[in-house]
PDB file of N, CA and C in Angstrom:
ATOM      1  N   UNK A   1       0.834  -1.183   0.000  1.00  0.00           N
ATOM      2  CA  UNK A   1       0.000   0.000   0.000  1.00  0.00           C
ATOM      3  C   UNK A   1       0.882   1.252   0.000  1.00  0.00           C
ATOM      4  N   UNK A   2       0.520   2.218  -0.786  1.00  0.00           N
ATOM      5  CA  UNK A   2       1.268   3.464  -0.904  1.00  0.00           C
ATOM      6  C   UNK A   2       0.725   4.463   0.111  1.00  0.00           C
ATOM      7  N   UNK A   3       1.620   5.151   0.811  1.00  0.00           N
ATOM      8  CA  UNK A   3       1.199   6.197   1.735  1.00  0.00           C
ATOM      9  C   UNK A   3       0.876   7.455   0.946  1.00  0.00           C
ATOM     10  N   UNK A   4      -0.330   7.964   1.114  1.00  0.00           N
ATOM     11  CA  UNK A   4      -0.760   9.169   0.413  1.00  0.00           C
ATOM     12  C   UNK A   4      -0.864  10.310   1.401  1.00  0.00           C
ATOM     13  N   UNK A   5      -0.513  11.525   0.937  1.00  0.00           N
ATOM     14  CA  UNK A   5      -0.717  12.679   1.799  1.00  0.00           C
ATOM     15  C   UNK A   5      -2.193  13.101   1.719  1.00  0.00           C
ATOM     16  N   UNK A   6      -2.565  14.109   2.456  1.00  0.00           N
ATOM     17  CA  UNK A   6      -3.971  14.531   2.532  1.00  0.00           C
ATOM     18  C   UNK A   6      -4.516  14.949   1.163  1.00  0.00           C
ATOM     19  N   UNK A   7      -3.728  15.682   0.402  1.00  0.00           N
ATOM     20  CA  UNK A   7      -4.143  16.132  -0.922  1.00  0.00           C
ATOM     21  C   UNK A   7      -4.394  14.943  -1.849  1.00  0.00           C
ATOM     22  N   UNK A   8      -3.460  14.003  -1.854  1.00  0.00           N
ATOM     23  CA  UNK A   8      -3.600  12.822  -2.708  1.00  0.00           C
ATOM     24  C   UNK A   8      -4.792  11.963  -2.286  1.00  0.00           C
ATOM     25  N   UNK A   9      -5.021  11.861  -0.969  1.00  0.00           N
ATOM     26  CA  UNK A   9      -6.166  11.102  -0.461  1.00  0.00           C
ATOM     27  C   UNK A   9      -7.473  11.742  -0.909  1.00  0.00           C
ATOM     28  N   UNK A  10      -7.554  13.071  -0.867  1.00  0.00           N
ATOM     29  CA  UNK A  10      -8.754  13.787  -1.327  1.00  0.00           C
ATOM     30  C   UNK A  10      -9.015  13.511  -2.809  1.00  0.00           C
ATOM     31  N   UNK A  11      -7.965  13.529  -3.618  1.00  0.00           N
ATOM     32  CA  UNK A  11      -8.118  13.257  -5.057  1.00  0.00           C
ATOM     33  C   UNK A  11      -8.595  11.826  -5.271  1.00  0.00           C
ATOM     34  N   UNK A  12      -7.977  10.874  -4.576  1.00  0.00           N
ATOM     35  CA  UNK A  12      -8.370   9.480  -4.725  1.00  0.00           C
ATOM     36  C   UNK A  12      -9.834   9.275  -4.349  1.00  0.00           C
ATOM     37  N   UNK A  13     -10.263   9.863  -3.237  1.00  0.00           N
ATOM     38  CA  UNK A  13     -11.667   9.736  -2.825  1.00  0.00           C
ATOM     39  C   UNK A  13     -12.592  10.373  -3.848  1.00  0.00           C
ATOM     40  N   UNK A  14     -12.188  11.494  -4.410  1.00  0.00           N
ATOM     41  CA  UNK A  14     -12.984  12.176  -5.418  1.00  0.00           C
ATOM     42  C   UNK A  14     -13.165  11.306  -6.654  1.00  0.00           C
ATOM     43  N   UNK A  15     -12.075  10.654  -7.090  1.00  0.00           N
ATOM     44  CA  UNK A  15     -12.141   9.763  -8.253  1.00  0.00           C
ATOM     45  C   UNK A  15     -13.029   8.562  -7.946  1.00  0.00           C
ATOM     46  N   UNK A  16     -12.833   7.980  -6.779  1.00  0.00           N
ATOM     47  CA  UNK A  16     -13.632   6.805  -6.399  1.00  0.00           C
ATOM     48  C   UNK A  16     -15.113   7.134  -6.244  1.00  0.00           C
ATOM     49  N   UNK A  17     -15.442   8.391  -5.941  1.00  0.00           N
ATOM     50  CA  UNK A  17     -16.840   8.827  -5.805  1.00  0.00           C
ATOM     51  C   UNK A  17     -17.429   9.287  -7.136  1.00  0.00           C
ATOM     52  N   UNK A  18     -16.719   9.020  -8.238  1.00  0.00           N
ATOM     53  CA  UNK A  18     -17.166   9.387  -9.592  1.00  0.00           C
ATOM     54  C   UNK A  18     -17.447  10.879  -9.739  1.00  0.00           C
ATOM     55  N   UNK A  19     -16.614  11.698  -9.117  1.00  0.00           N
ATOM     56  CA  UNK A  19     -16.772  13.143  -9.219  1.00  0.00           C
ATOM     57  C   UNK A  19     -16.022  13.727 -10.415  1.00  0.00           C
ATOM     58  N   UNK A  20     -15.317  12.875 -11.150  1.00  0.00           N
ATOM     59  CA  UNK A  20     -14.542  13.315 -12.303  1.00  0.00           C
ATOM     60  C   UNK A  20     -15.277  12.930 -13.572  1.00  0.00           C
ATOM     61  N   UNK A  21     -15.140  13.764 -14.580  1.00  0.00           N
ATOM     62  CA  UNK A  21     -15.814  13.537 -15.854  1.00  0.00           C
ATOM     63  C   UNK A  21     -14.815  13.623 -16.991  1.00  0.00           C
ATOM     64  N   UNK A  22     -14.922  12.700 -17.924  1.00  0.00           N
ATOM     65  CA  UNK A  22     -14.016  12.680 -19.062  1.00  0.00           C
ATOM     66  C   UNK A  22     -14.212  13.945 -19.900  1.00  0.00           C
ATOM     67  N   UNK A  23     -13.096  14.452 -20.425  1.00  0.00           N
ATOM     68  CA  UNK A  23     -13.149  15.652 -21.264  1.00  0.00           C
ATOM     69  C   UNK A  23     -13.055  15.317 -22.733  1.00  0.00           C
ATOM     70  N   UNK A  24     -13.340  14.077 -23.087  1.00  0.00           N
ATOM     71  CA  UNK A  24     -13.290  13.693 -24.495  1.00  0.00           C
ATOM     72  C   UNK A  24     -12.574  12.381 -24.682  1.00  0.00           C
ATOM     73  N   UNK A  25     -12.299  12.086 -25.913  1.00  0.00           N
ATOM     74  CA  UNK A  25     -11.669  10.824 -26.283  1.00  0.00           C
ATOM     75  C   UNK A  25     -10.213  10.795 -25.845  1.00  0.00           C
ATOM     76  N   UNK A  26      -9.847   9.735 -25.161  1.00  0.00           N
ATOM     77  CA  UNK A  26      -8.453   9.585 -24.743  1.00  0.00           C
ATOM     78  C   UNK A  26      -7.538   9.431 -25.952  1.00  0.00           C
ATOM     79  N   UNK A  27      -8.050   8.772 -26.997  1.00  0.00           N
ATOM     80  CA  UNK A  27      -7.239   8.601 -28.217  1.00  0.00           C
ATOM     81  C   UNK A  27      -6.912   9.949 -28.851  1.00  0.00           C
ATOM     82  N   UNK A  28      -7.884  10.852 -28.885  1.00  0.00           N
ATOM     83  CA  UNK A  28      -7.635  12.190 -29.433  1.00  0.00           C
ATOM     84  C   UNK A  28      -6.619  12.947 -28.594  1.00  0.00           C
ATOM     85  N   UNK A  29      -6.717  12.820 -27.268  1.00  0.00           N
ATOM     86  CA  UNK A  29      -5.787  13.514 -26.379  1.00  0.00           C
ATOM     87  C   UNK A  29      -4.374  12.973 -26.572  1.00  0.00           C
ATOM     88  N   UNK A  30      -4.239  11.659 -26.705  1.00  0.00           N
ATOM     89  CA  UNK A  30      -2.925  11.057 -26.914  1.00  0.00           C
ATOM     90  C   UNK A  30      -2.322  11.558 -28.219  1.00  0.00           C
ATOM     91  N   UNK A  31      -3.123  11.604 -29.288  1.00  0.00           N
ATOM     92  CA  UNK A  31      -2.636  12.114 -30.574  1.00  0.00           C
ATOM     93  C   UNK A  31      -2.205  13.572 -30.463  1.00  0.00           C
ATOM     94  N   UNK A  32      -2.973  14.359 -29.720  1.00  0.00           N
ATOM     95  CA  UNK A  32      -2.648  15.772 -29.529  1.00  0.00           C
ATOM     96  C   UNK A  32      -1.315  15.929 -28.810  1.00  0.00           C
ATOM     97  N   UNK A  33      -1.116  15.158 -27.747  1.00  0.00           N
ATOM     98  CA  UNK A  33       0.136  15.247 -26.997  1.00  0.00           C
ATOM     99  C   UNK A  33       1.322  14.715 -27.796  1.00  0.00           C
ATOM    100  N   UNK A  34       1.109  13.642 -28.559  1.00  0.00           N
ATOM    101  CA  UNK A  34       2.182  13.113 -29.397  1.00  0.00           C
ATOM    102  C   UNK A  34       2.593  14.122 -30.456  1.00  0.00           C
ATOM    103  N   UNK A  35       1.626  14.824 -31.014  1.00  0.00           N
ATOM    104  CA  UNK A  35       1.917  15.849 -32.012  1.00  0.00           C
ATOM    105  C   UNK A  35       2.743  16.969 -31.391  1.00  0.00           C
ATOM    106  N   UNK A  36       2.385  17.350 -30.175  1.00  0.00           N
ATOM    107  CA  UNK A  36       3.127  18.400 -29.473  1.00  0.00           C
ATOM    108  C   UNK A  36       4.584  17.979 -29.273  1.00  0.00           C
ATOM    109  N   UNK A  37       4.780  16.749 -28.820  1.00  0.00           N
ATOM    110  CA  UNK A  37       6.133  16.257 -28.560  1.00  0.00           C
ATOM    111  C   UNK A  37       6.942  16.175 -29.845  1.00  0.00           C
ATOM    112  N   UNK A  38       6.323  15.686 -30.930  1.00  0.00           N
ATOM    113  CA  UNK A  38       7.045  15.563 -32.203  1.00  0.00           C
ATOM    114  C   UNK A  38       7.462  16.917 -32.753  1.00  0.00           C
ATOM    115  N   UNK A  39       6.641  17.945 -32.533  1.00  0.00           N
ATOM    116  CA  UNK A  39       6.916  19.270 -33.086  1.00  0.00           C
ATOM    117  C   UNK A  39       7.792  20.121 -32.186  1.00  0.00           C
ATOM    118  N   UNK A  40       8.128  19.605 -31.015  1.00  0.00           N
ATOM    119  CA  UNK A  40       8.972  20.349 -30.097  1.00  0.00           C
ATOM    120  C   UNK A  40      10.414  20.316 -30.616  1.00  0.00           C
ATOM    121  N   UNK A  41      11.056  21.477 -30.657  1.00  0.00           N
ATOM    122  CA  UNK A  41      12.435  21.544 -31.133  1.00  0.00           C
ATOM    123  C   UNK A  41      13.354  20.869 -30.123  1.00  0.00           C
ATOM    124  N   UNK A  42      14.320  20.142 -30.649  1.00  0.00           N
ATOM    125  CA  UNK A  42      15.272  19.428 -29.800  1.00  0.00           C
ATOM    126  C   UNK A  42      16.680  19.859 -30.175  1.00  0.00           C
ATOM    127  N   UNK A  43      17.560  19.785 -29.212  1.00  0.00           N
ATOM    128  CA  UNK A  43      18.954  20.149 -29.394  1.00  0.00           C
ATOM    129  C   UNK A  43      19.806  18.971 -28.950  1.00  0.00           C
ATOM    130  N   UNK A  44      20.695  18.518 -29.806  1.00  0.00           N
ATOM    131  CA  UNK A  44      21.596  17.421 -29.466  1.00  0.00           C
ATOM    132  C   UNK A  44      22.686  17.922 -28.525  1.00  0.00           C
ATOM    133  N   UNK A  45      23.007  17.102 -27.520  1.00  0.00           N
ATOM    134  CA  UNK A  45      24.087  17.440 -26.597  1.00  0.00           C
ATOM    135  C   UNK A  45      24.984  16.217 -26.445  1.00  0.00           C
ATOM    136  N   UNK A  46      26.171  16.447 -25.928  1.00  0.00           N
ATOM    137  CA  UNK A  46      27.102  15.359 -25.681  1.00  0.00           C
ATOM    138  C   UNK A  46      27.533  15.457 -24.225  1.00  0.00           C
ATOM    139  N   UNK A  47      27.375  14.356 -23.476  1.00  0.00           N
ATOM    140  CA  UNK A  47      27.805  14.345 -22.073  1.00  0.00           C
ATOM    141  C   UNK A  47      28.557  13.050 -21.800  1.00  0.00           C
ATOM    142  N   UNK A  48      29.414  13.100 -20.809  1.00  0.00           N
ATOM    143  CA  UNK A  48      30.129  11.901 -20.379  1.00  0.00           C
ATOM    144  C   UNK A  48      29.414  11.360 -19.142  1.00  0.00           C
ATOM    145  N   UNK A  49      29.088  10.069 -19.196  1.00  0.00           N
ATOM    146  CA  UNK A  49      28.377   9.416 -18.105  1.00  0.00           C
ATOM    147  C   UNK A  49      29.120   8.133 -17.759  1.00  0.00           C
ATOM    148  N   UNK A  50      29.200   7.837 -16.481  1.00  0.00           N
ATOM    149  CA  UNK A  50      29.893   6.630 -16.039  1.00  0.00           C
ATOM    150  C   UNK A  50      29.292   5.368 -16.649  1.00  0.00           C
ATOM    151  N   UNK A  51      30.163   4.417 -16.965  1.00  0.00           N
ATOM    152  CA  UNK A  51      29.714   3.177 -17.590  1.00  0.00           C
ATOM    153  C   UNK A  51      28.691   2.444 -16.730  1.00  0.00           C
ATOM    154  N   UNK A  52      28.899   2.404 -15.421  1.00  0.00           N
ATOM    155  CA  UNK A  52      27.959   1.718 -14.535  1.00  0.00           C
ATOM    156  C   UNK A  52      26.592   2.398 -14.547  1.00  0.00           C
ATOM    157  N   UNK A  53      26.592   3.734 -14.591  1.00  0.00           N
ATOM    158  CA  UNK A  53      25.314   4.459 -14.634  1.00  0.00           C
ATOM    159  C   UNK A  53      24.555   4.147 -15.917  1.00  0.00           C
ATOM    160  N   UNK A  54      25.275   4.122 -17.035  1.00  0.00           N
ATOM    161  CA  UNK A  54      24.630   3.805 -18.314  1.00  0.00           C
ATOM    162  C   UNK A  54      24.102   2.370 -18.299  1.00  0.00           C
ATOM    163  N   UNK A  55      24.895   1.453 -17.763  1.00  0.00           N
ATOM    164  CA  UNK A  55      24.469   0.055 -17.681  1.00  0.00           C
ATOM    165  C   UNK A  55      23.167  -0.057 -16.879  1.00  0.00           C
ATOM    166  N   UNK A  56      23.135   0.573 -15.704  1.00  0.00           N
ATOM    167  CA  UNK A  56      21.933   0.513 -14.855  1.00  0.00           C
ATOM    168  C   UNK A  56      20.748   1.194 -15.519  1.00  0.00           C
ATOM    169  N   UNK A  57      21.001   2.306 -16.185  1.00  0.00           N
ATOM    170  CA  UNK A  57      19.935   3.027 -16.885  1.00  0.00           C
ATOM    171  C   UNK A  57      19.350   2.177 -18.010  1.00  0.00           C
ATOM    172  N   UNK A  58      20.216   1.544 -18.786  1.00  0.00           N
ATOM    173  CA  UNK A  58      19.739   0.689 -19.880  1.00  0.00           C
ATOM    174  C   UNK A  58      18.976  -0.516 -19.340  1.00  0.00           C
ATOM    175  N   UNK A  59      19.428  -1.062 -18.209  1.00  0.00           N
ATOM    176  CA  UNK A  59      18.735  -2.188 -17.587  1.00  0.00           C
ATOM    177  C   UNK A  59      17.322  -1.770 -17.161  1.00  0.00           C
ATOM    178  N   UNK A  60      17.205  -0.623 -16.524  1.00  0.00           N
ATOM    179  CA  UNK A  60      15.891  -0.130 -16.110  1.00  0.00           C
ATOM    180  C   UNK A  60      15.015   0.206 -17.312  1.00  0.00           C
ATOM    181  N   UNK A  61      15.643   0.708 -18.361  1.00  0.00           N
ATOM    182  CA  UNK A  61      14.895   1.025 -19.579  1.00  0.00           C
ATOM    183  C   UNK A  61      14.304  -0.240 -20.191  1.00  0.00           C
ATOM    184  N   UNK A  62      15.083  -1.307 -20.223  1.00  0.00           N
ATOM    185  CA  UNK A  62      14.575  -2.581 -20.745  1.00  0.00           C
ATOM    186  C   UNK A  62      13.405  -3.089 -19.907  1.00  0.00           C
ATOM    187  N   UNK A  63      13.524  -2.947 -18.582  1.00  0.00           N
ATOM    188  CA  UNK A  63      12.455  -3.407 -17.681  1.00  0.00           C
ATOM    189  C   UNK A  63      11.169  -2.615 -17.895  1.00  0.00           C
ATOM    190  N   UNK A  64      11.308  -1.332 -18.194  1.00  0.00           N
ATOM    191  CA  UNK A  64      10.121  -0.481 -18.344  1.00  0.00           C
ATOM    192  C   UNK A  64       9.608  -0.425 -19.780  1.00  0.00           C
ATOM    193  N   UNK A  65      10.438  -0.858 -20.734  1.00  0.00           N
ATOM    194  CA  UNK A  65      10.023  -0.819 -22.134  1.00  0.00           C
ATOM    195  C   UNK A  65      10.142   0.564 -22.759  1.00  0.00           C
ATOM    196  N   UNK A  66      10.890   1.445 -22.117  1.00  0.00           N
ATOM    197  CA  UNK A  66      11.090   2.814 -22.621  1.00  0.00           C
ATOM    198  C   UNK A  66      12.552   2.961 -22.998  1.00  0.00           C
ATOM    199  N   UNK A  67      12.857   3.454 -24.196  1.00  0.00           N
ATOM    200  CA  UNK A  67      14.261   3.638 -24.578  1.00  0.00           C
ATOM    201  C   UNK A  67      15.011   4.521 -23.576  1.00  0.00           C
ATOM    202  N   UNK A  68      16.275   4.169 -23.319  1.00  0.00           N
ATOM    203  CA  UNK A  68      17.013   4.894 -22.292  1.00  0.00           C
ATOM    204  C   UNK A  68      17.202   6.375 -22.639  1.00  0.00           C
ATOM    205  N   UNK A  69      17.285   6.709 -23.929  1.00  0.00           N
ATOM    206  CA  UNK A  69      17.407   8.117 -24.312  1.00  0.00           C
ATOM    207  C   UNK A  69      16.154   8.887 -23.897  1.00  0.00           C
ATOM    208  N   UNK A  70      14.991   8.259 -24.028  1.00  0.00           N
ATOM    209  CA  UNK A  70      13.742   8.912 -23.631  1.00  0.00           C
ATOM    210  C   UNK A  70      13.708   9.130 -22.118  1.00  0.00           C
ATOM    211  N   UNK A  71      14.244   8.164 -21.372  1.00  0.00           N
ATOM    212  CA  UNK A  71      14.292   8.325 -19.919  1.00  0.00           C
ATOM    213  C   UNK A  71      15.170   9.515 -19.553  1.00  0.00           C
ATOM    214  N   UNK A  72      16.309   9.647 -20.224  1.00  0.00           N
ATOM    215  CA  UNK A  72      17.191  10.793 -19.969  1.00  0.00           C
ATOM    216  C   UNK A  72      16.471  12.097 -20.299  1.00  0.00           C
ATOM    217  N   UNK A  73      15.769  12.125 -21.442  1.00  0.00           N
ATOM    218  CA  UNK A  73      15.009  13.323 -21.816  1.00  0.00           C
ATOM    219  C   UNK A  73      13.959  13.657 -20.761  1.00  0.00           C
ATOM    220  N   UNK A  74      13.251  12.634 -20.271  1.00  0.00           N
ATOM    221  CA  UNK A  74      12.212  12.867 -19.255  1.00  0.00           C
ATOM    222  C   UNK A  74      12.820  13.414 -17.964  1.00  0.00           C
ATOM    223  N   UNK A  75      13.956  12.840 -17.551  1.00  0.00           N
ATOM    224  CA  UNK A  75      14.608  13.306 -16.332  1.00  0.00           C
ATOM    225  C   UNK A  75      15.046  14.761 -16.459  1.00  0.00           C
ATOM    226  N   UNK A  76      15.647  15.095 -17.594  1.00  0.00           N
ATOM    227  CA  UNK A  76      16.080  16.483 -17.809  1.00  0.00           C
ATOM    228  C   UNK A  76      14.872  17.420 -17.802  1.00  0.00           C
ATOM    229  N   UNK A  77      13.805  17.028 -18.478  1.00  0.00           N
ATOM    230  CA  UNK A  77      12.602  17.868 -18.528  1.00  0.00           C
ATOM    231  C   UNK A  77      12.006  18.048 -17.131  1.00  0.00           C
ATOM    232  N   UNK A  78      11.917  16.952 -16.374  1.00  0.00           N
ATOM    233  CA  UNK A  78      11.344  17.045 -15.032  1.00  0.00           C
ATOM    234  C   UNK A  78      12.190  17.931 -14.133  1.00  0.00           C
ATOM    235  N   UNK A  79      13.509  17.834 -14.240  1.00  0.00           N
ATOM    236  CA  UNK A  79      14.378  18.692 -13.443  1.00  0.00           C
ATOM    237  C   UNK A  79      14.249  20.148 -13.878  1.00  0.00           C
ATOM    238  N   UNK A  80      14.241  20.383 -15.189  1.00  0.00           N
ATOM    239  CA  UNK A  80      14.153  21.758 -15.709  1.00  0.00           C
ATOM    240  C   UNK A  80      12.822  22.412 -15.358  1.00  0.00           C
ATOM    241  N   UNK A  81      11.763  21.613 -15.236  1.00  0.00           N
ATOM    242  CA  UNK A  81      10.450  22.173 -14.911  1.00  0.00           C
ATOM    243  C   UNK A  81      10.121  22.058 -13.418  1.00  0.00           C
ATOM    244  N   UNK A  82      11.157  21.829 -12.601  1.00  0.00           N
ATOM    245  CA  UNK A  82      11.040  21.770 -11.135  1.00  0.00           C
ATOM    246  C   UNK A  82      10.105  20.677 -10.628  1.00  0.00           C
ATOM    247  N   UNK A  83       9.940  19.606 -11.400  1.00  0.00           N
ATOM    248  CA  UNK A  83       9.115  18.499 -10.928  1.00  0.00           C
ATOM    249  C   UNK A  83       9.927  17.536 -10.057  1.00  0.00           C
ATOM    250  N   UNK A  84      11.238  17.548 -10.226  1.00  0.00           N
ATOM    251  CA  UNK A  84      12.121  16.801  -9.332  1.00  0.00           C
ATOM    252  C   UNK A  84      13.221  17.746  -8.864  1.00  0.00           C
ATOM    253  N   UNK A  85      13.720  17.496  -7.666  1.00  0.00           N
ATOM    254  CA  UNK A  85      14.739  18.347  -7.071  1.00  0.00           C
ATOM    255  C   UNK A  85      16.024  17.533  -6.910  1.00  0.00           C
ATOM    256  N   UNK A  86      17.139  18.216  -6.942  1.00  0.00           N
ATOM    257  CA  UNK A  86      18.409  17.583  -6.706  1.00  0.00           C
ATOM    258  C   UNK A  86      18.720  17.683  -5.218  1.00  0.00           C
ATOM    259  N   UNK A  87      19.053  16.555  -4.599  1.00  0.00           N
ATOM    260  CA  UNK A  87      19.429  16.586  -3.191  1.00  0.00           C
ATOM    261  C   UNK A  87      20.941  16.470  -3.070  1.00  0.00           C
ATOM    262  N   UNK A  88      21.477  17.198  -2.143  1.00  0.00           N
ATOM    263  CA  UNK A  88      22.931  17.229  -1.973  1.00  0.00           C
ATOM    264  C   UNK A  88      23.297  16.498  -0.707  1.00  0.00           C
TER     265      UNK A  88
END
């Protein structure tokens, strides 16, 4: 069981009480988001990463079915948009 904070518990109860309503076709939303991602400009970079880190990253990527480059892109995006924090 996952420990939820008060905010998350309120959301879960709201969903379970059928207080949420679909805003349209999920397939259309997925296509819309995929189009956004494809049209987003990307910049190639070169970084040096430890061999063990790459090995572990590729292993986790195989387990999740997501290419390791996409995982790196997601991590960078989440950090840049303050969704994850760096701890020292």
